[in-house]
Protein backbone atom coordinates (compact mmCIF):
# COMPACT_ATOMS: atom_id res chain seq x y z
CA MET A 1 -20.07 20.80 -15.53
CA LYS A 2 -21.02 22.72 -12.40
CA THR A 3 -19.41 21.42 -9.20
CA GLU A 4 -19.40 22.70 -5.64
CA ALA A 5 -16.72 25.16 -4.48
CA THR A 6 -15.93 22.61 -1.78
CA PRO A 7 -15.39 19.36 -3.65
CA LEU A 8 -17.94 16.68 -2.91
CA VAL A 9 -17.26 12.95 -2.87
CA LEU A 10 -20.45 10.97 -3.42
CA MET A 11 -20.40 7.29 -2.47
CA ALA A 12 -23.04 4.81 -3.58
CA ASP A 13 -23.03 1.77 -1.28
CA ASP A 14 -25.83 -0.09 0.49
CA ASP A 15 -23.54 -1.13 3.35
CA GLU A 16 -23.98 1.56 6.03
CA ASP A 17 -20.85 0.38 7.86
CA ASP A 18 -18.73 0.82 4.73
CA CYS A 19 -20.21 4.28 4.18
CA LEU A 20 -19.34 5.18 7.75
CA LEU A 21 -15.81 3.78 7.42
CA ALA A 22 -15.28 5.67 4.17
CA ARG A 23 -16.57 8.93 5.67
CA HIS A 24 -14.33 8.61 8.75
CA ALA A 25 -11.33 7.67 6.59
CA PHE A 26 -12.01 10.65 4.32
CA GLU A 27 -12.01 12.95 7.35
CA ALA A 28 -8.99 11.23 8.94
CA CYS A 29 -6.82 11.54 5.84
CA GLY A 30 -7.21 15.32 5.87
CA ALA A 31 -9.00 15.48 2.53
CA HIS A 32 -10.48 18.83 1.57
CA GLY A 33 -14.13 18.40 0.75
CA ALA A 34 -17.49 17.04 1.76
CA PHE A 35 -18.57 13.39 1.80
CA GLU A 36 -22.08 12.06 1.14
CA CYS A 37 -23.40 8.53 0.78
CA VAL A 38 -26.45 7.10 -0.98
CA GLY A 39 -27.67 3.50 -0.70
CA ASP A 40 -28.11 2.33 -4.28
CA GLY A 41 -27.69 3.13 -7.96
CA MET A 42 -31.14 4.69 -8.32
CA ALA A 43 -30.48 7.04 -5.39
CA LEU A 44 -27.14 7.92 -7.00
CA LEU A 45 -28.78 8.90 -10.29
CA ASN A 46 -31.47 10.85 -8.45
CA TYR A 47 -28.76 12.71 -6.53
CA LEU A 48 -26.90 13.52 -9.74
CA SER A 49 -30.04 14.96 -11.29
CA ARG A 50 -29.71 17.80 -8.75
CA SER A 51 -26.97 20.43 -8.83
CA PRO A 52 -24.19 20.83 -7.93
CA LEU A 53 -22.40 17.76 -9.17
CA PRO A 54 -19.83 15.85 -7.13
CA ALA A 55 -16.13 16.06 -7.92
CA LEU A 56 -15.79 12.27 -7.49
CA ILE A 57 -18.14 9.28 -7.35
CA LEU A 58 -17.28 6.11 -5.44
CA ILE A 59 -19.50 3.21 -6.37
CA ASP A 60 -19.97 -0.33 -5.08
CA ILE A 61 -20.87 -3.10 -7.52
CA ASN A 62 -23.39 -5.03 -5.39
CA MET A 63 -26.35 -2.81 -4.52
CA PRO A 64 -30.13 -3.24 -4.61
CA LEU A 65 -32.47 -1.65 -7.18
CA MET A 66 -29.63 -0.75 -9.55
CA ASP A 67 -26.19 -2.30 -9.18
CA GLY A 68 -22.93 -0.44 -9.63
CA PHE A 69 -22.39 -1.64 -13.19
CA GLU A 70 -25.84 -0.42 -14.26
CA ALA A 71 -25.32 2.91 -12.48
CA LEU A 72 -21.84 3.34 -14.01
CA LYS A 73 -23.21 2.64 -17.48
CA ALA A 74 -26.00 5.17 -16.93
CA ILE A 75 -23.61 7.85 -15.62
CA LYS A 76 -21.26 7.48 -18.57
CA SER A 77 -24.17 7.63 -21.03
CA ILE A 78 -25.44 11.02 -19.79
CA PRO A 79 -23.37 13.89 -21.26
CA ALA A 80 -23.73 16.11 -18.17
CA PHE A 81 -22.22 13.37 -15.96
CA GLN A 82 -19.60 11.84 -18.28
CA ASP A 83 -16.69 13.92 -16.99
CA ILE A 84 -17.24 13.07 -13.32
CA PRO A 85 -14.55 10.58 -12.28
CA VAL A 86 -16.04 7.30 -11.08
CA VAL A 87 -14.05 4.90 -8.91
CA VAL A 88 -15.38 1.43 -8.19
CA VAL A 89 -14.84 0.52 -4.51
CA THR A 90 -16.13 -2.98 -3.87
CA THR A 91 -15.47 -6.21 -2.01
CA SER A 92 -14.71 -7.98 -5.28
CA GLY A 93 -11.16 -8.52 -6.39
CA GLU A 94 -12.27 -10.52 -9.42
CA GLU A 95 -10.50 -9.70 -12.70
CA LYS A 96 -13.82 -9.92 -14.57
CA ASP A 97 -15.28 -7.18 -12.33
CA MET A 98 -12.21 -4.99 -12.84
CA ALA A 99 -12.37 -5.52 -16.60
CA ASN A 100 -16.11 -4.81 -16.73
CA SER A 101 -15.61 -1.65 -14.66
CA ARG A 102 -12.94 -0.39 -17.07
CA LYS A 103 -15.11 -1.30 -20.07
CA LEU A 104 -18.03 0.71 -18.65
CA GLY A 105 -15.84 3.76 -18.05
CA ALA A 106 -14.63 3.55 -14.45
CA ASP A 107 -11.58 5.69 -13.84
CA SER A 108 -10.16 3.33 -11.22
CA PHE A 109 -10.99 0.20 -9.21
CA PHE A 110 -10.25 -0.57 -5.54
CA THR A 111 -11.06 -3.60 -3.45
CA LYS A 112 -12.48 -2.46 -0.10
CA PRO A 113 -9.82 -2.55 2.58
CA SER A 114 -10.21 -4.71 5.66
CA ARG A 115 -8.31 -2.35 8.01
CA PHE A 116 -9.18 1.25 8.83
CA ASN A 117 -5.63 2.48 8.16
CA ASP A 118 -5.93 1.06 4.64
CA TRP A 119 -9.24 2.94 4.20
CA ILE A 120 -7.40 6.14 5.21
CA ASN A 121 -4.60 5.43 2.73
CA MET A 122 -7.12 4.74 -0.04
CA MET A 123 -9.05 7.94 0.68
CA LYS A 124 -5.80 9.94 0.79
CA SER A 125 -4.80 8.51 -2.59
CA LEU A 126 -8.22 9.28 -4.09
CA SER A 127 -8.20 12.79 -2.62
CA ASP A 128 -4.71 13.51 -3.92
CA ARG A 129 -5.59 12.32 -7.40
CA TRP A 130 -9.14 13.53 -7.91
CA LEU A 131 -9.78 16.39 -5.48
CA GLU A 132 -6.51 18.24 -4.94
CA ALA A 133 -5.78 18.35 -8.68
CA ASN A 134 -9.15 20.04 -9.26
CA SER A 135 -9.11 22.56 -6.42
């Protein structure tokens, strides 16, 4: 799997405000890497078809065109993408959504924070686990 020298976090979320919050939290937590956002599952798969691959994918469940579950299933079914960690970051806190995410191959599941400091803490945790370990 070819990834960028600077690790890339790719977020798939149709909520522009959440993408902006996540990007600012990523920068504020001091994470090493780049941050990009796409608006739906189809755009995510199109992005992945280009090189280099991201070091981490953050994916929302509720998106147009192709939802997060469909995109997660597609990612985990393509050998070139299977090793990319995928973390579901969504408004849902439902056990059925967590269970379905795990079943489809998600590496972790987070409910979107309501406060910016919690976004920073989440991004710091994700960076420490998925980016720093691979740099």
